[in-house]
Amino acid sequence: MRAVMIPDHEWLAERARLGLDNQDEVWDGVLHMPPQPGSDHQRRESDLEFILKPRAAATGLDVFHQISIFGATSTDAKQNYRIPDITVVDPQFVSKRGVETRAEIVIEILSPNDESRDKLPFFAACGIPEVWLFEPSTRAIEVYVLRGEVYFAIMADRAGVVRAPRLDLELTVVEGPRLRVSWADGSTEI
């Protein structure tokens, strides 16, 4: 559910003091407060992070969960940032506050009525070359690559394999349902 409210500074300060604002996002000056993710969402997030960490490390990249990505064109970075579920990033773009503009891959784990797809234009403006959208209950995976300023979906091949180019992974939904993640010398399923 989307709602518009005008919070006062005391209420925002209280949310910050209690740590309730750690997943809040600001979209061009508008506060977005997504609900806390459920257990299935968190479980799949942990599974994906566990799989991606060694693959990313082998290419010199870091993996973070729920870290802010600050927009490139914002004059005041506090006015424009998003927090994907998982971010794969070159360490040179990581600061104390989060990721400064550029990540290599962002992954959004879909939830009912979430805003994951609405974040695509922001990710494109940041020049993020690859975005995954993952549905935790069906294990369906969508991989998008940036071409110019627009994301294009990578279609599954005849065997149902979606290729995620940045880490050279193959993603396939198999019986269960489970997501099989394959790389040159191995694979695993979640």
Protein backbone atom coordinates (compact mmCIF):
# COMPACT_ATOMS: atom_id res chain seq x y z
CA MET A 1 0.00 0.00 0.00
CA ARG A 2 1.26 3.44 -0.87
CA ALA A 3 0.32 6.39 1.29
CA VAL A 4 1.34 10.01 1.50
CA MET A 5 2.04 11.54 4.88
CA ILE A 6 3.89 14.62 6.03
CA PRO A 7 6.16 13.59 8.90
CA ASP A 8 7.49 16.10 11.38
CA HIS A 9 11.17 16.31 12.29
CA GLU A 10 10.59 14.88 15.81
CA TRP A 11 8.97 11.76 14.39
CA LEU A 12 11.83 11.26 11.91
CA ALA A 13 14.40 11.78 14.68
CA GLU A 14 12.61 9.21 16.86
CA ARG A 15 12.61 6.66 13.99
CA ALA A 16 16.35 7.25 13.56
CA ARG A 17 17.03 6.97 17.31
CA LEU A 18 15.17 3.64 17.46
CA GLY A 19 16.86 2.33 14.31
CA LEU A 20 13.54 2.06 12.49
CA ASP A 21 14.80 4.04 9.49
CA ASN A 22 17.54 1.64 8.37
CA GLN A 23 15.59 0.55 5.27
CA ASP A 24 14.01 3.90 4.46
CA GLU A 25 14.80 5.31 1.04
CA VAL A 26 14.57 8.81 -0.36
CA TRP A 27 13.43 9.15 -3.95
CA ASP A 28 14.12 12.65 -5.23
CA GLY A 29 13.31 14.12 -1.82
CA VAL A 30 10.33 11.83 -1.08
CA LEU A 31 10.64 9.44 1.87
CA HIS A 32 9.75 5.79 1.12
CA MET A 33 9.34 3.45 4.09
CA PRO A 34 9.10 -0.14 2.89
CA PRO A 35 7.91 -2.72 5.40
CA GLN A 36 10.46 -5.01 7.00
CA PRO A 37 11.09 -8.09 4.85
CA GLY A 38 9.48 -11.36 5.90
CA SER A 39 11.33 -14.55 6.82
CA ASP A 40 11.22 -16.13 3.33
CA HIS A 41 12.55 -12.89 1.83
CA GLN A 42 15.40 -12.76 4.36
CA ARG A 43 16.21 -16.44 3.93
CA ARG A 44 16.55 -16.09 0.14
CA GLU A 45 18.58 -12.90 0.58
CA SER A 46 21.05 -14.75 2.83
CA ASP A 47 21.21 -17.69 0.41
CA LEU A 48 22.00 -15.45 -2.56
CA GLU A 49 24.56 -13.45 -0.62
CA PHE A 50 26.32 -16.65 0.49
CA ILE A 51 26.51 -17.88 -3.13
CA LEU A 52 27.62 -14.55 -4.58
CA LYS A 53 30.37 -13.62 -2.09
CA PRO A 54 33.05 -16.03 -3.38
CA ARG A 55 32.13 -15.41 -7.04
CA ALA A 56 32.35 -11.64 -6.54
CA ALA A 57 35.55 -11.84 -4.47
CA ALA A 58 37.22 -13.79 -7.29
CA THR A 59 36.73 -10.72 -9.51
CA GLY A 60 37.71 -8.16 -6.85
CA LEU A 61 34.15 -7.15 -5.95
CA ASP A 62 32.36 -6.91 -2.59
CA VAL A 63 28.82 -8.04 -1.74
CA PHE A 64 26.61 -6.09 0.65
CA HIS A 65 23.04 -6.51 1.78
CA GLN A 66 20.79 -3.50 2.26
CA ILE A 67 23.37 -0.78 1.64
CA SER A 68 22.39 2.65 0.31
CA ILE A 69 23.22 3.60 -3.26
CA PHE A 70 23.45 7.36 -3.66
CA GLY A 71 22.43 8.98 -6.94
CA ALA A 72 24.93 10.54 -9.28
CA THR A 73 22.93 13.60 -10.21
CA SER A 74 21.63 14.56 -6.80
CA THR A 75 22.92 17.86 -5.49
CA ASP A 76 22.13 16.67 -1.99
CA ALA A 77 22.74 12.91 -1.66
CA LYS A 78 20.37 12.74 1.31
CA GLN A 79 17.60 13.54 -1.15
CA ASN A 80 18.11 10.60 -3.52
CA TYR A 81 19.11 7.06 -2.61
CA ARG A 82 17.83 3.50 -2.83
CA ILE A 83 18.60 0.39 -0.78
CA PRO A 84 18.58 -2.82 -2.83
CA ASP A 85 18.47 -6.14 -1.01
CA ILE A 86 21.91 -7.16 -2.35
CA THR A 87 24.57 -5.05 -4.02
CA VAL A 88 27.72 -6.27 -5.78
CA VAL A 89 30.17 -3.38 -6.00
CA ASP A 90 33.76 -2.46 -6.77
CA PRO A 91 35.29 -1.42 -3.40
CA GLN A 92 36.44 1.90 -4.88
CA PHE A 93 32.79 3.03 -4.93
CA VAL A 94 32.11 2.20 -1.26
CA SER A 95 32.25 4.96 1.34
CA LYS A 96 31.29 5.06 5.00
CA ARG A 97 27.75 6.07 4.10
CA GLY A 98 27.22 3.47 1.36
CA VAL A 99 27.78 3.07 -2.37
CA GLU A 100 28.61 6.22 -4.28
CA THR A 101 26.63 5.92 -7.51
CA ARG A 102 28.10 2.87 -9.18
CA ALA A 103 27.46 -0.79 -8.39
CA GLU A 104 28.01 -3.74 -10.71
CA ILE A 105 24.86 -5.70 -9.82
CA VAL A 106 21.85 -4.94 -7.67
CA ILE A 107 19.37 -7.60 -6.64
CA GLU A 108 15.85 -6.92 -5.48
CA ILE A 109 13.91 -9.72 -3.83
CA LEU A 110 10.31 -9.16 -4.76
CA SER A 111 7.57 -8.77 -2.17
CA PRO A 112 3.86 -8.17 -2.71
CA ASN A 113 3.19 -4.57 -3.74
CA ASP A 114 6.86 -3.57 -3.51
CA GLU A 115 8.57 -0.83 -5.51
CA SER A 116 11.44 -2.88 -6.96
CA ARG A 117 10.52 -2.27 -10.60
CA ASP A 118 10.05 1.43 -9.91
CA LYS A 119 13.73 1.64 -8.93
CA LEU A 120 14.99 0.65 -12.40
CA PRO A 121 15.23 4.23 -13.75
CA PHE A 122 17.32 5.25 -10.73
CA PHE A 123 19.63 2.26 -11.16
CA ALA A 124 19.97 3.10 -14.87
CA ALA A 125 20.84 6.72 -14.06
CA CYS A 126 23.57 5.38 -11.76
CA GLY A 127 24.95 3.31 -14.65
CA ILE A 128 24.47 -0.03 -12.87
CA PRO A 129 25.05 -2.59 -15.63
CA GLU A 130 23.03 -5.50 -14.22
CA VAL A 131 19.84 -5.82 -12.13
CA TRP A 132 18.22 -9.02 -10.89
CA LEU A 133 14.62 -9.32 -9.72
CA PHE A 134 14.04 -12.52 -7.73
CA GLU A 135 10.70 -13.95 -6.63
CA PRO A 136 11.42 -15.96 -3.46
CA SER A 137 8.48 -18.39 -3.48
CA THR A 138 8.62 -19.45 -7.16
CA ARG A 139 12.39 -18.81 -7.50
CA ALA A 140 11.67 -16.99 -10.78
CA ILE A 141 14.59 -14.77 -11.74
CA GLU A 142 14.72 -11.84 -14.12
CA VAL A 143 18.09 -10.44 -15.19
CA TYR A 144 18.32 -7.03 -16.85
CA VAL A 145 21.35 -5.49 -18.52
CA LEU A 146 21.81 -1.79 -19.19
CA ARG A 147 22.11 -0.74 -22.82
CA GLY A 148 22.52 3.01 -23.07
CA GLU A 149 20.00 4.34 -20.55
CA VAL A 150 17.51 1.45 -20.69
CA TYR A 151 17.42 -2.02 -19.14
CA PHE A 152 16.73 -5.01 -21.36
CA ALA A 153 15.72 -8.43 -20.03
CA ILE A 154 17.97 -11.36 -20.76
CA MET A 155 15.71 -14.06 -22.07
CA ALA A 156 16.08 -17.67 -20.96
CA ASP A 157 17.51 -20.03 -23.56
CA ARG A 158 15.68 -23.20 -24.68
CA ALA A 159 16.91 -25.06 -21.59
CA GLY A 160 15.48 -22.33 -19.34
CA VAL A 161 18.90 -20.88 -18.47
CA VAL A 162 19.24 -17.14 -17.87
CA ARG A 163 22.82 -15.91 -18.15
CA ALA A 164 23.94 -13.24 -15.69
CA PRO A 165 26.96 -11.77 -17.49
CA ARG A 166 28.77 -9.70 -14.85
CA LEU A 167 29.75 -12.73 -12.71
CA ASP A 168 29.38 -15.22 -15.57
CA LEU A 169 26.60 -17.17 -13.86
CA GLU A 170 23.82 -19.34 -15.23
CA LEU A 171 20.48 -19.17 -13.39
CA THR A 172 17.82 -21.84 -13.82
CA VAL A 173 14.59 -22.58 -11.97
CA VAL A 174 14.48 -26.33 -11.32
CA GLU A 175 12.00 -28.69 -9.68
CA GLY A 176 11.13 -27.80 -6.13
CA PRO A 177 11.02 -24.97 -7.07
CA ARG A 178 14.68 -24.12 -6.53
CA LEU A 179 17.04 -21.68 -8.20
CA ARG A 180 20.15 -23.37 -9.56
CA VAL A 181 23.13 -21.02 -9.75
CA SER A 182 25.96 -22.41 -11.91
CA TRP A 183 29.46 -21.14 -12.65
CA ALA A 184 32.51 -22.53 -14.49
CA ASP A 185 33.47 -25.14 -11.88
CA GLY A 186 30.37 -25.64 -9.77
CA SER A 187 26.74 -25.00 -8.92
CA THR A 188 24.35 -24.89 -6.02
CA GLU A 189 20.61 -24.61 -5.50
CA ILE A 190 18.49 -22.50 -3.19
